[in-house]
Amino acid sequence: MLPGTGIPFRRLLVRSLRSVDLDIHVVLDPIRLSLSVPQAMLLLVLRRPAAIFTTGGYVALPVLVAASVLRIPVVMWDGNVVPGRSVRATARLAGSLAVTFDSTCLSLAGRKRPCFVTGTPIRDPRSVSRVDARTALGVAAGEKLLLIFGGSQAVRRFNAAVAEALPRLVERVRVIHVTGDAGYDEALAGRAALPESLRERYGPERFLADEMTLALAAADLVVGRAGSSTLAEVAAFGLPMVVVPYPHAAGHQHRNAEEMVRSGAARLVEDADFDAAALLAAAAMLDDARTHGEMAAAARSLARPGAADAVAELVMAAAEGRPLPAPARLEAMSRGVAG
């Protein structure tokens, strides 16, 4: 994504551990890792950064090792309730930590380094009003809007459920459905098969980038996965959610989802149980104004729209050699009640 933005960046030789297959990379990856440490050392010596921000993991290891040698302060952020093994390992090289969930601090920091609950940095939910968003998307007054998106992983489960439920679904609600590339043509075909009077109520999209802010601001209910960013954005917009955790990746999403469900802001449907019937049942939640209102209030109670400001404050304190901010100050910033 970066080349088209004009943001300068440099690659290290180390690569992401994308699989556990026994192939040539089993031999090459340790070599790449060992060569990346002096490469990172040289880059840091030349650039002289005041601080380093990282989300940890295997690919961050060379830079964090070099930063430790050069005594460059490191701030790490992690958004999962249960951090992965590589994140837990690299957290030892960070001077301070920022996390989304309280329980993550114990997993990453113990009592050895400062850890702050900042929430997940997201796009600014205050950049557009609900009225303006619904007008821009053509959502009529009183019309209920359901937003369905499965992230980058395993969207086929969502797409199949939408395809089967679509004729009955659009009779009840307006739908924005993020299909991914692979499901887009089939979704267009499904739209074309609808009665002409209902076609405008179904909006398939390959992806939503900046438009996601409009969709979230306009929506009444979200059906989606349980990635940290997804949950944070849904909460920031005060939206009830039907959450379908991605069943792999060591179960991280399931633990994330449980936090949302425990608060009353979401209902959980297991991936194996998510089908057309489950989707129609989710849409039926919009008919229960009391339950919808209670879930929306619970979502708002979790919101941290200023998380990016809180993390930035932590990074700037490290870069400038200032004492780290008080937890109460970062808490207020993340909640959006302090500058």
Protein backbone atom coordinates (compact mmCIF):
# COMPACT_ATOMS: atom_id res chain seq x y z
CA MET A 1 0.00 0.00 0.00
CA LEU A 2 2.81 2.41 0.80
CA PRO A 3 4.41 3.06 -2.62
CA GLY A 4 1.38 4.97 -3.89
CA THR A 5 1.22 7.24 -0.84
CA GLY A 6 4.58 8.94 -1.24
CA ILE A 7 5.56 7.93 2.31
CA PRO A 8 9.26 6.98 2.30
CA PHE A 9 10.02 3.51 3.58
CA ARG A 10 12.79 0.95 3.60
CA ARG A 11 12.43 -2.83 3.55
CA LEU A 12 14.49 -5.22 5.61
CA LEU A 13 15.53 -8.63 4.35
CA VAL A 14 13.42 -10.36 7.00
CA ARG A 15 10.01 -11.51 5.77
CA SER A 16 6.77 -12.37 7.51
CA LEU A 17 6.43 -15.99 8.62
CA ARG A 18 3.44 -16.70 6.40
CA SER A 19 3.40 -20.48 6.72
CA VAL A 20 4.89 -23.45 8.52
CA ASP A 21 5.50 -25.50 5.38
CA LEU A 22 8.79 -27.36 5.17
CA ASP A 23 10.37 -25.59 2.23
CA ILE A 24 13.45 -23.57 1.34
CA HIS A 25 12.30 -20.72 3.59
CA VAL A 26 12.94 -22.87 6.67
CA VAL A 27 16.61 -22.41 5.83
CA LEU A 28 16.42 -18.89 4.40
CA ASP A 29 14.34 -17.21 7.12
CA PRO A 30 16.99 -17.51 9.88
CA ILE A 31 19.59 -16.17 7.43
CA ARG A 32 17.33 -13.24 6.50
CA LEU A 33 16.73 -12.52 10.17
CA SER A 34 20.42 -12.51 11.06
CA LEU A 35 21.28 -10.24 8.11
CA SER A 36 18.44 -7.86 8.95
CA VAL A 37 19.88 -6.94 12.35
CA PRO A 38 23.00 -5.15 10.99
CA GLN A 39 20.83 -3.74 8.19
CA ALA A 40 18.48 -2.24 10.78
CA MET A 41 21.43 -1.04 12.85
CA LEU A 42 22.82 0.89 9.88
CA LEU A 43 19.46 2.47 9.08
CA LEU A 44 18.97 3.62 12.66
CA VAL A 45 22.49 5.02 12.88
CA LEU A 46 21.94 6.97 9.65
CA ARG A 47 18.42 8.21 10.49
CA ARG A 48 18.90 8.81 14.23
CA PRO A 49 15.21 8.44 15.20
CA ALA A 50 14.17 9.97 18.51
CA ALA A 51 11.81 7.04 19.18
CA ILE A 52 10.42 3.92 17.55
CA PHE A 53 6.78 2.87 17.41
CA THR A 54 6.00 -0.78 16.71
CA THR A 55 3.19 -3.31 16.81
CA GLY A 56 5.76 -6.00 17.56
CA GLY A 57 6.00 -9.45 16.06
CA TYR A 58 8.68 -11.35 14.22
CA VAL A 59 9.31 -8.79 11.48
CA ALA A 60 9.96 -6.08 14.09
CA LEU A 61 12.69 -8.06 15.83
CA PRO A 62 15.75 -6.71 13.91
CA VAL A 63 14.78 -3.07 14.45
CA LEU A 64 14.00 -3.62 18.14
CA VAL A 65 17.28 -5.44 18.75
CA ALA A 66 19.16 -2.60 17.03
CA ALA A 67 17.19 -0.01 19.00
CA SER A 68 18.10 -1.75 22.26
CA VAL A 69 21.80 -1.60 21.41
CA LEU A 70 21.55 2.08 20.38
CA ARG A 71 19.36 2.96 23.39
CA ILE A 72 16.53 4.35 21.27
CA PRO A 73 13.23 4.38 23.19
CA VAL A 74 10.56 2.01 21.87
CA VAL A 75 6.79 2.22 22.30
CA MET A 76 4.79 -0.89 21.38
CA TRP A 77 1.03 -1.13 20.80
CA ASP A 78 -1.04 -4.33 20.67
CA GLY A 79 -4.78 -4.60 20.14
CA ASN A 80 -5.63 -8.19 21.04
CA VAL A 81 -6.85 -9.48 24.39
CA VAL A 82 -4.33 -12.31 24.09
CA PRO A 83 -1.15 -11.23 22.30
CA GLY A 84 0.57 -13.68 19.96
CA ARG A 85 3.78 -15.42 20.96
CA SER A 86 5.98 -13.25 18.74
CA VAL A 87 4.39 -10.09 20.17
CA ARG A 88 4.96 -11.30 23.72
CA ALA A 89 8.60 -12.04 22.89
CA THR A 90 9.31 -8.65 21.30
CA ALA A 91 7.46 -6.76 24.06
CA ARG A 92 10.54 -7.37 26.22
CA LEU A 93 12.42 -4.97 23.96
CA ALA A 94 9.93 -2.12 24.40
CA GLY A 95 10.31 0.59 27.02
CA SER A 96 6.57 1.21 27.31
CA LEU A 97 3.42 -0.46 26.05
CA ALA A 98 0.00 0.67 24.86
CA VAL A 99 -2.87 -1.80 24.63
CA THR A 100 -6.58 -1.97 23.90
CA PHE A 101 -7.68 -4.25 26.75
CA ASP A 102 -6.77 -4.08 30.44
CA SER A 103 -5.94 -7.76 30.67
CA THR A 104 -3.35 -7.45 27.90
CA CYS A 105 -1.03 -5.49 30.18
CA LEU A 106 -0.47 -8.49 32.43
CA SER A 107 0.33 -10.70 29.42
CA LEU A 108 2.84 -8.27 27.94
CA ALA A 109 4.30 -6.23 30.73
CA GLY A 110 3.81 -7.98 34.03
CA ARG A 111 5.28 -5.49 36.48
CA LYS A 112 8.49 -4.85 34.57
CA ARG A 113 7.51 -1.97 32.25
CA PRO A 114 4.81 0.71 32.11
CA CYS A 115 1.65 -0.34 30.25
CA PHE A 116 -1.20 1.98 29.31
CA VAL A 117 -4.74 1.19 28.14
CA THR A 118 -5.27 3.53 25.20
CA GLY A 119 -7.70 1.64 23.00
CA THR A 120 -7.15 1.01 19.30
CA PRO A 121 -6.15 3.93 17.05
CA ILE A 122 -8.84 4.36 14.40
CA ARG A 123 -10.04 6.88 11.84
CA ASP A 124 -11.73 9.88 13.48
CA PRO A 125 -15.44 9.09 13.99
CA ARG A 126 -16.11 12.78 14.54
CA SER A 127 -15.21 13.68 10.95
CA VAL A 128 -18.75 13.12 9.61
CA SER A 129 -22.22 13.36 11.09
CA ARG A 130 -24.81 10.60 10.88
CA VAL A 131 -27.21 12.86 8.98
CA ASP A 132 -24.59 13.81 6.39
CA ALA A 133 -23.47 10.18 6.01
CA ARG A 134 -26.98 8.89 5.42
CA THR A 135 -27.65 11.67 2.95
CA ALA A 136 -24.45 10.89 1.04
CA LEU A 137 -25.36 7.19 0.86
CA GLY A 138 -28.97 7.81 -0.10
CA VAL A 139 -30.45 6.25 3.04
CA ALA A 140 -33.99 7.49 3.57
CA ALA A 141 -35.27 8.77 6.90
CA GLY A 142 -36.52 5.87 9.00
CA GLU A 143 -34.75 3.29 6.83
CA LYS A 144 -32.59 0.75 8.69
CA LEU A 145 -29.07 0.17 7.34
CA LEU A 146 -27.14 -3.07 7.91
CA LEU A 147 -23.39 -3.03 7.24
CA ILE A 148 -21.76 -6.43 6.58
CA PHE A 149 -18.03 -6.86 6.22
CA GLY A 150 -15.72 -9.73 6.99
CA GLY A 151 -12.33 -8.07 6.78
CA SER A 152 -9.60 -9.58 4.63
CA GLN A 153 -9.91 -13.14 5.97
CA ALA A 154 -12.55 -15.75 5.18
CA VAL A 155 -15.12 -13.44 3.58
CA ARG A 156 -16.61 -16.40 1.71
CA ARG A 157 -18.65 -17.38 4.77
CA PHE A 158 -20.24 -13.92 4.83
CA ASN A 159 -20.75 -13.80 1.07
CA ALA A 160 -22.51 -17.17 1.00
CA ALA A 161 -24.86 -16.14 3.81
CA VAL A 162 -25.74 -12.88 2.07
CA ALA A 163 -26.33 -14.59 -1.27
CA GLU A 164 -28.83 -17.03 0.23
CA ALA A 165 -30.61 -14.51 2.44
CA LEU A 166 -30.57 -11.55 0.03
CA PRO A 167 -34.18 -11.55 -1.30
CA ARG A 168 -35.62 -11.77 2.23
CA LEU A 169 -32.95 -9.51 3.74
CA VAL A 170 -33.55 -6.47 1.51
CA GLU A 171 -37.28 -6.65 2.18
CA ARG A 172 -36.45 -5.76 5.78
CA VAL A 173 -33.36 -3.54 5.67
CA ARG A 174 -31.01 -1.66 3.40
CA VAL A 175 -27.66 -3.44 3.09
CA ILE A 176 -24.07 -2.40 2.42
CA HIS A 177 -22.03 -5.54 1.84
CA VAL A 178 -18.24 -5.54 1.50
CA THR A 179 -17.54 -8.60 -0.63
CA GLY A 180 -13.82 -8.51 -1.43
CA ASP A 181 -12.65 -9.01 -5.01
CA ALA A 182 -13.58 -12.69 -5.22
CA GLY A 183 -17.22 -12.22 -4.24
CA TYR A 184 -18.02 -8.97 -6.01
CA ASP A 185 -19.22 -10.31 -9.38
CA GLU A 186 -21.48 -12.86 -7.71
CA ALA A 187 -22.92 -10.14 -5.50
CA LEU A 188 -23.67 -7.99 -8.55
CA ALA A 189 -25.43 -10.94 -10.13
CA GLY A 190 -27.49 -11.40 -6.97
CA ARG A 191 -28.43 -7.74 -7.06
CA ALA A 192 -29.51 -7.98 -10.68
CA ALA A 193 -31.78 -10.91 -9.82
CA LEU A 194 -33.70 -8.88 -7.25
CA PRO A 195 -36.98 -7.23 -8.16
CA GLU A 196 -36.21 -3.83 -9.61
CA SER A 197 -37.91 -2.07 -6.72
CA LEU A 198 -35.49 -3.67 -4.22
CA ARG A 199 -32.17 -3.42 -6.06
CA GLU A 200 -31.28 -0.02 -4.66
CA ARG A 201 -31.54 -1.49 -1.16
CA TYR A 202 -28.48 -3.70 -1.73
CA GLY A 203 -25.07 -2.11 -2.19
CA PRO A 204 -22.22 -4.57 -2.75
CA GLU A 205 -18.71 -3.07 -2.55
CA ARG A 206 -15.35 -4.69 -3.24
CA PHE A 207 -13.69 -2.73 -0.44
CA LEU A 208 -14.35 0.40 1.55
CA ALA A 209 -11.38 2.62 2.37
CA ASP A 210 -12.21 6.19 3.35
CA GLU A 211 -15.85 5.40 2.53
CA MET A 212 -15.95 3.11 5.56
CA THR A 213 -16.36 6.17 7.78
CA LEU A 214 -19.54 7.09 5.92
CA ALA A 215 -20.85 3.54 6.11
CA LEU A 216 -20.25 3.27 9.85
CA ALA A 217 -21.72 6.69 10.56
CA ALA A 218 -24.86 5.82 8.60
CA ALA A 219 -25.32 2.23 9.83
CA ASP A 220 -27.75 0.94 12.45
CA LEU A 221 -26.16 -2.50 12.90
CA VAL A 222 -22.89 -4.17 11.92
CA VAL A 223 -22.20 -7.80 11.14
CA GLY A 224 -18.46 -8.43 11.09
CA ARG A 225 -15.32 -10.10 12.39
CA ALA A 226 -13.59 -9.39 15.69
CA GLY A 227 -10.34 -7.72 14.70
CA SER A 228 -9.23 -5.01 17.10
CA SER A 229 -9.78 -2.17 14.62
CA THR A 230 -13.23 -3.40 13.63
CA LEU A 231 -14.42 -3.60 17.23
CA ALA A 232 -12.93 -0.21 18.06
CA GLU A 233 -14.59 1.53 15.12
CA VAL A 234 -17.96 -0.08 15.75
CA ALA A 235 -17.82 1.02 19.40
CA ALA A 236 -16.71 4.54 18.46
CA PHE A 237 -19.82 4.93 16.30
CA GLY A 238 -22.04 3.48 19.03
CA LEU A 239 -23.24 0.59 16.90
CA PRO A 240 -24.67 -2.74 18.07
CA MET A 241 -22.88 -5.66 16.46
CA VAL A 242 -23.30 -9.29 15.57
CA VAL A 243 -19.73 -10.51 15.78
CA VAL A 244 -18.51 -13.63 13.98
CA PRO A 245 -14.92 -14.27 15.12
CA TYR A 246 -12.43 -15.57 12.59
CA PRO A 247 -11.90 -19.11 13.89
CA HIS A 248 -8.17 -19.38 13.25
CA ALA A 249 -5.14 -17.22 14.22
CA ALA A 250 -4.87 -18.92 17.62
CA GLY A 251 -8.37 -17.81 18.60
CA HIS A 252 -7.38 -14.16 19.16
CA GLN A 253 -10.57 -12.85 17.60
CA HIS A 254 -12.76 -15.02 19.79
CA ARG A 255 -11.26 -13.52 22.93
CA ASN A 256 -11.64 -10.03 21.47
CA ALA A 257 -15.30 -10.73 20.68
CA GLU A 258 -15.99 -12.02 24.18
CA GLU A 259 -15.03 -8.62 25.61
CA MET A 260 -17.60 -6.91 23.36
CA VAL A 261 -20.28 -9.47 24.16
CA ARG A 262 -19.64 -9.27 27.90
CA SER A 263 -20.31 -5.54 27.82
CA GLY A 264 -23.68 -6.06 26.14
CA ALA A 265 -22.66 -4.32 22.92
CA ALA A 266 -22.62 -7.42 20.71
CA ARG A 267 -24.02 -10.86 20.13
CA LEU A 268 -21.63 -13.64 19.14
CA VAL A 269 -22.26 -16.16 16.36
CA GLU A 270 -19.64 -18.85 15.81
CA ASP A 271 -18.17 -18.97 12.32
CA ALA A 272 -19.49 -22.48 11.70
CA ASP A 273 -23.01 -21.34 12.65
CA PHE A 274 -23.11 -18.22 10.49
CA ASP A 275 -25.47 -18.76 7.57
CA ALA A 276 -28.51 -17.15 5.94
CA ALA A 277 -30.71 -17.91 8.94
CA ALA A 278 -28.20 -16.33 11.32
CA LEU A 279 -27.97 -13.25 9.13
CA LEU A 280 -31.75 -12.84 9.00
CA ALA A 281 -31.88 -13.25 12.78
CA ALA A 282 -29.28 -10.51 13.09
CA ALA A 283 -31.35 -8.18 10.92
CA ALA A 284 -34.38 -8.89 13.13
CA MET A 285 -32.56 -7.16 16.00
CA LEU A 286 -33.39 -3.89 14.29
CA ASP A 287 -37.08 -4.48 15.01
CA ASP A 288 -36.46 -4.45 18.78
CA ALA A 289 -35.92 -0.80 19.60
CA ARG A 290 -35.27 -1.38 23.31
CA THR A 291 -32.60 -4.04 22.81
CA HIS A 292 -31.02 -2.04 20.00
CA GLY A 293 -30.84 1.04 22.21
CA GLU A 294 -29.30 -0.86 25.11
CA MET A 295 -26.65 -2.41 22.85
CA ALA A 296 -25.87 0.95 21.28
CA ALA A 297 -25.38 2.49 24.73
CA ALA A 298 -23.09 -0.38 25.73
CA ALA A 299 -21.05 0.15 22.57
CA ARG A 300 -20.66 3.85 23.30
CA SER A 301 -19.43 3.04 26.81
CA LEU A 302 -16.51 1.14 25.24
CA ALA A 303 -15.62 3.85 22.74
CA ARG A 304 -12.16 5.38 22.70
CA PRO A 305 -12.30 7.78 19.75
CA GLY A 306 -9.14 9.54 20.92
CA ALA A 307 -6.99 6.41 21.06
CA ALA A 308 -4.69 7.67 18.31
CA ASP A 309 -4.10 10.90 20.28
CA ALA A 310 -3.29 8.90 23.42
CA VAL A 311 -0.80 6.65 21.63
CA ALA A 312 0.79 9.67 19.92
CA GLU A 313 1.19 11.39 23.29
CA LEU A 314 2.99 8.33 24.62
CA VAL A 315 5.31 8.21 21.60
CA MET A 316 6.09 11.94 21.77
CA ALA A 317 6.93 11.71 25.47
CA ALA A 318 9.39 8.93 24.71
CA ALA A 319 10.87 10.85 21.77
CA GLU A 320 11.34 14.03 23.78
CA GLY A 321 12.68 12.31 26.87
CA ARG A 322 9.81 13.55 29.01
CA PRO A 323 8.24 11.55 31.85
CA LEU A 324 5.56 9.27 30.51
CA PRO A 325 2.02 10.70 30.80
CA ALA A 326 -0.12 9.75 33.77
CA PRO A 327 -2.50 6.86 33.05
CA ALA A 328 -5.47 9.07 33.93
CA ARG A 329 -4.44 11.62 31.31
CA LEU A 330 -4.13 8.98 28.61
CA GLU A 331 -7.45 7.50 29.68
CA ALA A 332 -9.13 10.89 29.28
CA MET A 333 -7.47 11.49 25.92
CA SER A 334 -8.50 8.10 24.59
CA ARG A 335 -12.09 8.72 25.66
CA GLY A 336 -12.00 11.98 23.74
CA VAL A 337 -12.57 14.20 26.77
CA ALA A 338 -9.14 15.86 26.96
CA GLY A 339 -6.76 17.35 24.42
